[in-house]
């Protein structure tokens, strides 16, 4: 989901109470804070030798050690935090959105917004785990398996070019001259 699509969905639900579901029947505690919004430009080279670039906007959530509220913040408060951030940092509208969260029961990780649901006075962002992938295989390119069958992510072998072999014939023959047709 892009940053713009995520933000537009929030804008459509300003009066709802914002909650995040990080696992089955597990929600970020209502007293959560949005502690920062960061933008990261990622440049990588995958196992097939291909350079990749993308941008992520990461919204970090924090549960304070003492529960401060029984009801989560309204979406409008989250939007005010977003507006404050965007006064200082131009966020890429086509960046991929991630939500960063962890607590004593759940190791900190970055997750993608999945299903966005509105029910009653709540707006819930269902979070789905980030995952690893082999971009070379996703492009239907070899991921570096060797001819002996060993696996590993190494650059795919470059295609061998056939070099013509020149053969010298009749070295003592007369040289070409203009008009001889050679």
N, C-alpha and C. Protein backbone atom coordinates (compact mmCIF):
# COMPACT_ATOMS: atom_id res chain seq x y z
N UNK A 1 0.85 -1.17 0.00
CA UNK A 1 0.00 0.00 0.00
C UNK A 1 0.89 1.23 0.00
N UNK A 2 0.54 2.19 -0.81
CA UNK A 2 1.34 3.41 -0.87
C UNK A 2 0.99 4.34 0.30
N UNK A 3 1.91 5.24 0.56
CA UNK A 3 1.69 6.22 1.62
C UNK A 3 0.44 7.04 1.32
N UNK A 4 0.27 7.48 0.08
CA UNK A 4 -0.88 8.32 -0.26
C UNK A 4 -2.19 7.57 -0.06
N UNK A 5 -2.24 6.30 -0.48
CA UNK A 5 -3.46 5.51 -0.32
C UNK A 5 -3.79 5.32 1.16
N UNK A 6 -2.76 5.07 1.97
CA UNK A 6 -2.96 4.89 3.41
C UNK A 6 -3.49 6.18 4.04
N UNK A 7 -2.84 7.28 3.70
CA UNK A 7 -3.24 8.58 4.25
C UNK A 7 -4.66 8.95 3.80
N UNK A 8 -4.99 8.71 2.53
CA UNK A 8 -6.33 9.03 2.03
C UNK A 8 -7.40 8.24 2.78
N UNK A 9 -7.10 6.99 3.12
CA UNK A 9 -8.06 6.17 3.87
C UNK A 9 -8.25 6.73 5.28
N UNK A 10 -7.17 7.20 5.88
CA UNK A 10 -7.29 7.83 7.20
C UNK A 10 -8.15 9.10 7.10
N UNK A 11 -7.90 9.90 6.07
CA UNK A 11 -8.64 11.16 5.89
C UNK A 11 -10.15 10.90 5.78
N UNK A 12 -10.53 9.77 5.23
CA UNK A 12 -11.95 9.43 5.07
C UNK A 12 -12.60 8.98 6.38
N UNK A 13 -11.79 8.80 7.44
CA UNK A 13 -12.32 8.27 8.71
C UNK A 13 -11.84 9.08 9.92
N UNK A 14 -11.94 10.41 9.90
CA UNK A 14 -11.33 11.22 10.96
C UNK A 14 -11.95 11.02 12.35
N UNK A 15 -13.22 10.67 12.42
CA UNK A 15 -13.92 10.56 13.70
C UNK A 15 -13.84 9.18 14.32
N UNK A 16 -13.19 8.24 13.65
CA UNK A 16 -13.09 6.87 14.16
C UNK A 16 -11.91 6.76 15.12
N UNK A 17 -11.98 5.76 15.99
CA UNK A 17 -10.87 5.46 16.88
C UNK A 17 -9.92 4.50 16.16
N UNK A 18 -8.66 4.86 16.12
CA UNK A 18 -7.65 4.12 15.36
C UNK A 18 -7.08 2.98 16.19
N UNK A 19 -7.10 1.80 15.63
CA UNK A 19 -6.47 0.66 16.30
C UNK A 19 -5.72 -0.18 15.28
N UNK A 20 -4.73 -0.89 15.79
CA UNK A 20 -3.87 -1.73 14.97
C UNK A 20 -3.94 -3.16 15.51
N UNK A 21 -4.23 -4.11 14.62
CA UNK A 21 -4.26 -5.52 15.01
C UNK A 21 -3.00 -6.17 14.45
N UNK A 22 -2.14 -6.67 15.35
CA UNK A 22 -0.86 -7.23 14.93
C UNK A 22 -0.83 -8.76 14.90
N UNK A 23 -1.83 -9.41 15.47
CA UNK A 23 -1.93 -10.88 15.45
C UNK A 23 -3.39 -11.23 15.70
N UNK A 24 -3.72 -12.50 15.55
CA UNK A 24 -5.09 -12.96 15.79
C UNK A 24 -5.56 -12.54 17.18
N UNK A 25 -6.61 -11.75 17.24
CA UNK A 25 -7.19 -11.27 18.50
C UNK A 25 -6.21 -10.44 19.36
N UNK A 26 -5.14 -9.93 18.76
CA UNK A 26 -4.15 -9.11 19.49
C UNK A 26 -4.09 -7.72 18.87
N UNK A 27 -4.32 -6.72 19.70
CA UNK A 27 -4.32 -5.33 19.25
C UNK A 27 -3.27 -4.54 20.02
N UNK A 28 -2.71 -3.53 19.37
CA UNK A 28 -1.83 -2.59 20.07
C UNK A 28 -2.71 -1.93 21.14
N UNK A 29 -2.15 -1.78 22.34
CA UNK A 29 -2.94 -1.22 23.44
C UNK A 29 -3.45 0.17 23.06
N UNK A 30 -4.68 0.51 23.46
CA UNK A 30 -5.26 1.81 23.10
C UNK A 30 -4.43 3.02 23.51
N UNK A 31 -3.54 2.89 24.47
CA UNK A 31 -2.75 4.05 24.90
C UNK A 31 -1.50 4.26 24.04
N UNK A 32 -1.45 3.58 22.86
CA UNK A 32 -0.25 3.69 22.02
C UNK A 32 0.02 5.13 21.60
N UNK A 33 1.27 5.38 21.30
CA UNK A 33 1.71 6.67 20.75
C UNK A 33 2.27 6.41 19.35
N UNK A 34 2.12 7.38 18.47
CA UNK A 34 2.89 7.37 17.22
C UNK A 34 4.15 8.15 17.54
N UNK A 35 5.27 7.44 17.71
CA UNK A 35 6.48 8.09 18.19
C UNK A 35 7.30 8.74 17.09
N UNK A 36 7.22 8.21 15.89
CA UNK A 36 7.91 8.85 14.77
C UNK A 36 7.40 8.29 13.46
N UNK A 37 7.59 9.08 12.44
CA UNK A 37 7.33 8.65 11.08
C UNK A 37 8.63 8.89 10.34
N UNK A 38 9.16 7.82 9.78
CA UNK A 38 10.44 7.94 9.09
C UNK A 38 10.30 7.51 7.64
N UNK A 39 11.18 8.05 6.82
CA UNK A 39 11.21 7.70 5.40
C UNK A 39 12.58 7.11 5.11
N UNK A 40 12.60 5.94 4.50
CA UNK A 40 13.86 5.27 4.20
C UNK A 40 13.95 4.97 2.71
N UNK A 41 15.06 5.37 2.12
CA UNK A 41 15.34 5.00 0.73
C UNK A 41 16.22 3.76 0.78
N UNK A 42 15.80 2.72 0.09
CA UNK A 42 16.53 1.46 0.10
C UNK A 42 17.15 1.24 -1.27
N UNK A 43 18.44 0.92 -1.27
CA UNK A 43 19.16 0.56 -2.49
C UNK A 43 19.81 -0.78 -2.20
N UNK A 44 19.53 -1.78 -3.03
CA UNK A 44 20.09 -3.10 -2.79
C UNK A 44 20.50 -3.73 -4.12
N UNK A 45 21.34 -4.74 -4.02
CA UNK A 45 21.68 -5.58 -5.17
C UNK A 45 21.31 -7.00 -4.77
N UNK A 46 20.46 -7.64 -5.58
CA UNK A 46 20.01 -8.97 -5.22
C UNK A 46 20.98 -10.04 -5.72
N UNK A 47 20.65 -11.29 -5.42
CA UNK A 47 21.53 -12.41 -5.72
C UNK A 47 21.69 -12.67 -7.21
N UNK A 48 20.88 -12.04 -8.03
CA UNK A 48 21.02 -12.15 -9.48
C UNK A 48 21.83 -11.00 -10.06
N UNK A 49 22.34 -10.13 -9.18
CA UNK A 49 23.16 -9.01 -9.63
C UNK A 49 22.37 -7.78 -10.04
N UNK A 50 21.06 -7.76 -9.80
CA UNK A 50 20.19 -6.66 -10.19
C UNK A 50 20.10 -5.63 -9.07
N UNK A 51 20.29 -4.35 -9.41
CA UNK A 51 20.13 -3.28 -8.43
C UNK A 51 18.64 -2.98 -8.30
N UNK A 52 18.18 -2.76 -7.06
CA UNK A 52 16.79 -2.45 -6.77
C UNK A 52 16.74 -1.21 -5.88
N UNK A 53 15.74 -0.37 -6.08
CA UNK A 53 15.55 0.81 -5.23
C UNK A 53 14.07 0.97 -4.93
N UNK A 54 13.78 1.38 -3.71
CA UNK A 54 12.42 1.71 -3.34
C UNK A 54 12.46 2.58 -2.09
N UNK A 55 11.32 3.16 -1.77
CA UNK A 55 11.21 4.04 -0.60
C UNK A 55 10.11 3.50 0.30
N UNK A 56 10.37 3.57 1.60
CA UNK A 56 9.39 3.15 2.60
C UNK A 56 9.09 4.31 3.54
N UNK A 57 7.84 4.44 3.93
CA UNK A 57 7.43 5.34 5.01
C UNK A 57 7.05 4.42 6.16
N UNK A 58 7.72 4.59 7.28
CA UNK A 58 7.54 3.70 8.43
C UNK A 58 6.94 4.49 9.59
N UNK A 59 5.77 4.04 10.03
CA UNK A 59 5.09 4.66 11.16
C UNK A 59 5.40 3.80 12.38
N UNK A 60 6.04 4.40 13.37
CA UNK A 60 6.45 3.65 14.57
C UNK A 60 5.43 3.86 15.69
N UNK A 61 4.97 2.72 16.25
CA UNK A 61 4.02 2.75 17.37
C UNK A 61 4.73 2.31 18.64
N UNK A 62 4.32 2.88 19.75
CA UNK A 62 4.91 2.54 21.05
C UNK A 62 3.80 2.43 22.09
N UNK A 63 3.88 1.37 22.88
CA UNK A 63 2.98 1.21 24.02
C UNK A 63 3.72 1.68 25.26
N UNK A 64 3.23 2.70 25.95
CA UNK A 64 3.91 3.14 27.17
C UNK A 64 3.80 2.07 28.25
N UNK A 65 4.75 2.06 29.19
CA UNK A 65 4.74 1.02 30.24
C UNK A 65 3.52 1.10 31.15
N UNK A 66 2.94 2.28 31.26
CA UNK A 66 1.73 2.44 32.07
C UNK A 66 0.60 2.78 31.10
N UNK A 67 -0.46 2.00 31.18
CA UNK A 67 -1.59 2.26 30.28
C UNK A 67 -2.21 3.61 30.62
N UNK A 68 -2.21 4.47 29.61
CA UNK A 68 -2.66 5.85 29.82
C UNK A 68 -4.11 6.09 29.39
N UNK A 69 -4.66 5.16 28.61
CA UNK A 69 -6.00 5.39 28.07
C UNK A 69 -6.72 4.06 27.87
N UNK A 70 -8.03 4.14 27.95
CA UNK A 70 -8.84 2.95 27.68
C UNK A 70 -9.36 2.97 26.25
N UNK A 71 -9.19 4.09 25.60
CA UNK A 71 -9.69 4.27 24.23
C UNK A 71 -8.53 4.80 23.39
N UNK A 72 -8.37 4.25 22.18
CA UNK A 72 -7.26 4.70 21.33
C UNK A 72 -7.52 6.09 20.77
N UNK A 73 -6.48 6.66 20.20
CA UNK A 73 -6.60 8.00 19.63
C UNK A 73 -7.55 7.98 18.44
N UNK A 74 -8.15 9.12 18.21
CA UNK A 74 -8.97 9.26 17.02
C UNK A 74 -8.06 9.39 15.81
N UNK A 75 -8.57 9.01 14.66
CA UNK A 75 -7.80 9.12 13.42
C UNK A 75 -7.36 10.56 13.20
N UNK A 76 -8.19 11.52 13.58
CA UNK A 76 -7.83 12.94 13.38
C UNK A 76 -6.54 13.29 14.13
N UNK A 77 -6.30 12.68 15.30
CA UNK A 77 -5.05 12.95 16.03
C UNK A 77 -3.87 12.36 15.27
N UNK A 78 -4.03 11.17 14.71
CA UNK A 78 -2.96 10.58 13.89
C UNK A 78 -2.69 11.48 12.69
N UNK A 79 -3.73 12.00 12.09
CA UNK A 79 -3.57 12.91 10.94
C UNK A 79 -2.85 14.19 11.34
N UNK A 80 -3.09 14.68 12.56
CA UNK A 80 -2.38 15.89 13.01
C UNK A 80 -0.89 15.60 13.19
N UNK A 81 -0.55 14.39 13.63
CA UNK A 81 0.86 14.00 13.75
C UNK A 81 1.47 13.90 12.35
N UNK A 82 0.74 13.30 11.42
CA UNK A 82 1.22 13.20 10.04
C UNK A 82 1.45 14.59 9.46
N UNK A 83 0.52 15.50 9.67
CA UNK A 83 0.67 16.87 9.16
C UNK A 83 1.88 17.55 9.76
N UNK A 84 2.11 17.35 11.05
CA UNK A 84 3.28 17.93 11.71
C UNK A 84 4.57 17.40 11.08
N UNK A 85 4.62 16.10 10.85
CA UNK A 85 5.80 15.49 10.22
C UNK A 85 5.99 16.04 8.82
N UNK A 86 4.90 16.12 8.05
CA UNK A 86 5.02 16.55 6.66
C UNK A 86 5.36 18.04 6.51
N UNK A 87 5.29 18.80 7.57
CA UNK A 87 5.78 20.19 7.53
C UNK A 87 7.30 20.22 7.45
N UNK A 88 7.94 19.19 7.99
CA UNK A 88 9.41 19.13 8.00
C UNK A 88 9.98 18.14 7.00
N UNK A 89 9.23 17.11 6.67
CA UNK A 89 9.74 16.02 5.84
C UNK A 89 8.72 15.70 4.75
N UNK A 90 9.10 15.94 3.50
CA UNK A 90 8.23 15.62 2.38
C UNK A 90 8.21 14.10 2.21
N UNK A 91 7.07 13.48 2.51
CA UNK A 91 6.96 12.03 2.41
C UNK A 91 6.53 11.64 1.00
N UNK A 92 7.22 10.67 0.44
CA UNK A 92 6.97 10.20 -0.92
C UNK A 92 5.59 9.55 -1.00
N UNK A 93 4.68 10.08 -1.81
CA UNK A 93 3.33 9.54 -1.86
C UNK A 93 3.24 8.11 -2.41
N UNK A 94 4.24 7.67 -3.18
CA UNK A 94 4.20 6.31 -3.72
C UNK A 94 5.09 5.35 -2.94
N UNK A 95 5.60 5.81 -1.80
CA UNK A 95 6.41 4.93 -0.95
C UNK A 95 5.54 3.83 -0.37
N UNK A 96 6.17 2.70 -0.08
CA UNK A 96 5.49 1.58 0.57
C UNK A 96 5.35 1.89 2.06
N UNK A 97 4.16 1.67 2.62
CA UNK A 97 3.92 1.93 4.04
C UNK A 97 4.25 0.70 4.86
N UNK A 98 4.92 0.92 5.98
CA UNK A 98 5.15 -0.12 6.97
C UNK A 98 4.81 0.45 8.34
N UNK A 99 4.34 -0.41 9.21
CA UNK A 99 4.06 -0.04 10.59
C UNK A 99 5.04 -0.81 11.45
N UNK A 100 5.77 -0.10 12.31
CA UNK A 100 6.78 -0.72 13.18
C UNK A 100 6.21 -0.78 14.59
N UNK A 101 6.23 -2.00 15.15
CA UNK A 101 5.64 -2.17 16.48
C UNK A 101 6.24 -3.39 17.17
N UNK A 102 6.28 -3.31 18.48
CA UNK A 102 6.66 -4.44 19.31
C UNK A 102 6.29 -4.14 20.75
N UNK A 103 6.12 -5.21 21.52
CA UNK A 103 5.88 -5.05 22.96
C UNK A 103 6.47 -6.26 23.68
N UNK A 104 6.18 -6.43 24.94
CA UNK A 104 6.79 -7.53 25.71
C UNK A 104 6.36 -8.91 25.22
N UNK A 105 5.25 -8.99 24.50
CA UNK A 105 4.76 -10.27 23.98
C UNK A 105 5.05 -10.46 22.50
N UNK A 106 5.56 -9.42 21.85
CA UNK A 106 5.67 -9.44 20.39
C UNK A 106 6.94 -8.69 20.00
N UNK A 107 7.91 -9.42 19.44
CA UNK A 107 9.18 -8.79 19.06
C UNK A 107 8.94 -7.67 18.05
N UNK A 108 9.70 -6.59 18.21
CA UNK A 108 9.56 -5.45 17.31
C UNK A 108 9.86 -5.86 15.88
N UNK A 109 8.99 -5.45 15.00
CA UNK A 109 9.15 -5.73 13.58
C UNK A 109 8.36 -4.73 12.75
N UNK A 110 8.65 -4.72 11.49
CA UNK A 110 7.90 -3.88 10.56
C UNK A 110 6.90 -4.76 9.83
N UNK A 111 5.68 -4.26 9.72
CA UNK A 111 4.59 -5.00 9.08
C UNK A 111 3.89 -4.08 8.08
N UNK A 112 3.22 -4.71 7.15
CA UNK A 112 2.46 -3.96 6.15
C UNK A 112 1.02 -3.77 6.61
N UNK A 113 0.42 -2.62 6.28
CA UNK A 113 -1.02 -2.51 6.50
C UNK A 113 -1.71 -3.49 5.57
N UNK A 114 -2.58 -4.30 6.11
CA UNK A 114 -3.34 -5.25 5.30
C UNK A 114 -4.76 -4.76 5.17
N UNK A 115 -5.69 -5.51 5.75
CA UNK A 115 -7.10 -5.14 5.67
C UNK A 115 -7.37 -3.91 6.54
N UNK A 116 -8.06 -2.94 5.97
CA UNK A 116 -8.48 -1.74 6.70
C UNK A 116 -9.99 -1.85 6.87
N UNK A 117 -10.43 -1.91 8.13
CA UNK A 117 -11.87 -2.11 8.36
C UNK A 117 -12.44 -1.02 9.25
N UNK A 118 -13.68 -0.69 8.96
CA UNK A 118 -14.44 0.25 9.78
C UNK A 118 -15.62 -0.52 10.36
N UNK A 119 -15.69 -0.50 11.68
CA UNK A 119 -16.80 -1.16 12.36
C UNK A 119 -17.21 -0.28 13.54
N UNK A 120 -18.45 0.18 13.52
CA UNK A 120 -18.91 1.08 14.58
C UNK A 120 -18.07 2.34 14.60
N UNK A 121 -17.51 2.66 15.77
CA UNK A 121 -16.70 3.88 15.87
C UNK A 121 -15.20 3.59 15.77
N UNK A 122 -14.83 2.40 15.28
CA UNK A 122 -13.42 2.01 15.18
C UNK A 122 -12.96 1.88 13.73
N UNK A 123 -11.72 2.28 13.52
CA UNK A 123 -11.03 2.07 12.25
C UNK A 123 -9.82 1.20 12.57
N UNK A 124 -9.80 -0.02 12.04
CA UNK A 124 -8.76 -0.98 12.38
C UNK A 124 -7.85 -1.24 11.19
N UNK A 125 -6.55 -1.15 11.46
CA UNK A 125 -5.53 -1.48 10.47
C UNK A 125 -5.02 -2.87 10.83
N UNK A 126 -5.35 -3.85 10.01
CA UNK A 126 -4.82 -5.19 10.20
C UNK A 126 -3.40 -5.23 9.67
N UNK A 127 -2.47 -5.72 10.47
CA UNK A 127 -1.06 -5.74 10.06
C UNK A 127 -0.67 -7.13 9.60
N UNK A 128 0.09 -7.18 8.51
CA UNK A 128 0.58 -8.46 8.00
C UNK A 128 2.11 -8.43 8.00
N UNK A 129 2.74 -9.55 8.30
CA UNK A 129 4.20 -9.56 8.43
C UNK A 129 4.91 -9.24 7.13
N UNK A 130 6.06 -8.63 7.28
CA UNK A 130 6.96 -8.43 6.16
C UNK A 130 7.52 -9.81 5.82
N UNK A 131 8.08 -9.98 4.67
CA UNK A 131 8.60 -11.28 4.27
C UNK A 131 9.86 -11.09 3.44
N UNK A 132 10.63 -12.15 3.36
CA UNK A 132 11.81 -12.11 2.50
C UNK A 132 11.44 -12.79 1.18
N UNK A 133 12.18 -12.45 0.16
CA UNK A 133 11.93 -13.04 -1.15
C UNK A 133 13.21 -13.05 -1.96
N UNK A 134 13.22 -13.87 -2.95
CA UNK A 134 14.34 -13.91 -3.90
C UNK A 134 13.87 -13.15 -5.13
N UNK A 135 14.36 -11.93 -5.29
CA UNK A 135 13.92 -11.11 -6.41
C UNK A 135 14.36 -11.70 -7.74
N UNK A 136 15.52 -12.37 -7.76
CA UNK A 136 15.99 -12.98 -9.01
C UNK A 136 15.00 -14.06 -9.47
N UNK A 137 14.57 -14.91 -8.55
CA UNK A 137 13.60 -15.95 -8.92
C UNK A 137 12.26 -15.34 -9.31
N UNK A 138 11.88 -14.25 -8.64
CA UNK A 138 10.63 -13.58 -8.99
C UNK A 138 10.68 -13.03 -10.41
N UNK A 139 11.86 -12.71 -10.90
CA UNK A 139 12.05 -12.24 -12.28
C UNK A 139 12.27 -13.42 -13.24
N UNK A 140 12.14 -14.64 -12.72
CA UNK A 140 12.37 -15.87 -13.49
C UNK A 140 13.82 -15.94 -13.95
N UNK A 141 14.72 -15.45 -13.11
CA UNK A 141 16.15 -15.48 -13.39
C UNK A 141 16.78 -16.47 -12.42
N UNK A 142 17.87 -17.07 -12.83
CA UNK A 142 18.56 -18.01 -11.96
C UNK A 142 19.06 -17.30 -10.71
N UNK A 143 18.99 -18.02 -9.62
CA UNK A 143 19.45 -17.46 -8.36
C UNK A 143 20.86 -17.94 -8.02
N UNK A 144 21.60 -18.38 -8.97
CA UNK A 144 22.99 -18.73 -8.71
C UNK A 144 23.26 -20.19 -8.45
N UNK A 145 22.38 -21.12 -8.89
CA UNK A 145 22.70 -22.54 -8.74
C UNK A 145 23.86 -22.87 -9.67
N UNK A 146 24.82 -23.60 -9.14
CA UNK A 146 25.99 -23.95 -9.94
C UNK A 146 25.70 -25.19 -10.78
N UNK A 147 26.56 -25.44 -11.76
CA UNK A 147 26.37 -26.60 -12.62
C UNK A 147 26.51 -27.90 -11.85
N UNK A 148 27.22 -27.89 -10.73
CA UNK A 148 27.36 -29.10 -9.93
C UNK A 148 26.17 -29.29 -8.98
N UNK A 149 25.17 -28.38 -9.07
CA UNK A 149 23.98 -28.53 -8.26
C UNK A 149 24.03 -27.83 -6.92
N UNK A 150 25.16 -27.20 -6.60
CA UNK A 150 25.25 -26.47 -5.33
C UNK A 150 24.34 -25.26 -5.42
N UNK A 151 23.64 -25.00 -4.33
CA UNK A 151 22.79 -23.82 -4.36
C UNK A 151 23.46 -22.70 -3.59
N UNK A 152 23.02 -21.53 -3.90
CA UNK A 152 23.54 -20.35 -3.24
C UNK A 152 23.20 -19.15 -4.08
N UNK A 153 23.14 -18.02 -3.47
CA UNK A 153 22.79 -16.82 -4.22
C UNK A 153 24.07 -16.17 -4.72
N UNK A 154 24.38 -16.47 -5.93
CA UNK A 154 25.53 -15.86 -6.60
C UNK A 154 25.01 -15.29 -7.90
N UNK A 155 25.70 -14.33 -8.47
CA UNK A 155 25.22 -13.76 -9.72
C UNK A 155 25.06 -14.86 -10.78
N UNK A 156 24.01 -14.77 -11.54
CA UNK A 156 23.79 -15.73 -12.60
C UNK A 156 24.92 -15.62 -13.61
N UNK A 157 25.32 -16.74 -14.15
CA UNK A 157 26.42 -16.75 -15.11
C UNK A 157 26.05 -15.94 -16.34
N UNK A 158 27.02 -15.18 -16.82
CA UNK A 158 26.78 -14.40 -18.02
C UNK A 158 26.73 -15.35 -19.21
N UNK A 159 25.91 -15.01 -20.20
CA UNK A 159 25.81 -15.84 -21.38
C UNK A 159 27.12 -15.79 -22.13
N UNK A 160 27.62 -16.94 -22.51
CA UNK A 160 28.87 -17.01 -23.25
C UNK A 160 28.61 -16.55 -24.68
N UNK A 161 29.47 -15.70 -25.17
CA UNK A 161 29.34 -15.27 -26.55
C UNK A 161 30.26 -16.13 -27.40
N UNK A 162 29.76 -16.51 -28.54
CA UNK A 162 30.54 -17.35 -29.44
C UNK A 162 31.47 -16.45 -30.23
N UNK A 163 32.75 -16.71 -30.09
CA UNK A 163 33.74 -15.93 -30.84
C UNK A 163 34.12 -16.71 -32.09
N UNK A 164 34.04 -16.06 -33.23
CA UNK A 164 34.39 -16.78 -34.45
C UNK A 164 35.88 -17.11 -34.47
N UNK A 165 36.18 -18.28 -35.02
CA UNK A 165 37.57 -18.70 -35.17
C UNK A 165 37.99 -18.39 -36.60
N UNK A 166 39.03 -17.62 -36.72
CA UNK A 166 39.54 -17.26 -38.05
C UNK A 166 40.59 -18.28 -38.45
N UNK A 167 40.46 -18.71 -39.66
CA UNK A 167 41.43 -19.68 -40.16
C UNK A 167 42.15 -19.06 -41.35
N UNK A 168 43.44 -19.08 -41.30
CA UNK A 168 44.25 -18.52 -42.36
C UNK A 168 44.43 -19.58 -43.46
N UNK A 169 43.92 -19.28 -44.64
CA UNK A 169 43.99 -20.23 -45.76
C UNK A 169 44.88 -19.64 -46.84
N UNK A 170 45.73 -20.47 -47.38
CA UNK A 170 46.64 -20.10 -48.46
C UNK A 170 47.37 -18.80 -48.15
N UNK A 171 48.24 -18.85 -47.24
CA UNK A 171 49.00 -17.69 -46.84
C UNK A 171 49.86 -17.16 -47.98
N UNK A 172 50.20 -18.00 -48.94
CA UNK A 172 51.07 -17.56 -50.04
C UNK A 172 50.28 -17.10 -51.25
N UNK A 173 48.93 -17.07 -51.18
CA UNK A 173 48.11 -16.65 -52.32
C UNK A 173 48.27 -15.16 -52.55
N UNK A 174 47.99 -14.72 -53.75
CA UNK A 174 48.10 -13.28 -54.04
C UNK A 174 47.06 -12.51 -53.24
N UNK A 175 47.40 -11.29 -52.89
CA UNK A 175 46.51 -10.42 -52.12
C UNK A 175 45.43 -9.89 -53.01
N UNK A 176 44.35 -9.45 -52.39
CA UNK A 176 43.25 -8.85 -53.15
C UNK A 176 43.73 -7.56 -53.77
N UNK A 177 43.20 -7.28 -54.95
CA UNK A 177 43.50 -6.01 -55.59
C UNK A 177 42.18 -5.42 -56.07
N UNK A 178 42.15 -4.13 -56.28
CA UNK A 178 40.90 -3.49 -56.70
C UNK A 178 40.35 -4.15 -57.96
N UNK A 179 39.02 -4.41 -57.94
CA UNK A 179 38.34 -4.96 -59.10
C UNK A 179 38.44 -6.47 -59.22
N UNK A 180 39.13 -7.19 -58.31
CA UNK A 180 39.27 -8.63 -58.44
C UNK A 180 38.08 -9.40 -57.87
N UNK A 181 37.16 -8.72 -57.17
CA UNK A 181 35.96 -9.37 -56.67
C UNK A 181 36.10 -10.04 -55.32
N UNK A 182 37.23 -9.85 -54.65
CA UNK A 182 37.35 -10.49 -53.35
C UNK A 182 36.81 -9.64 -52.24
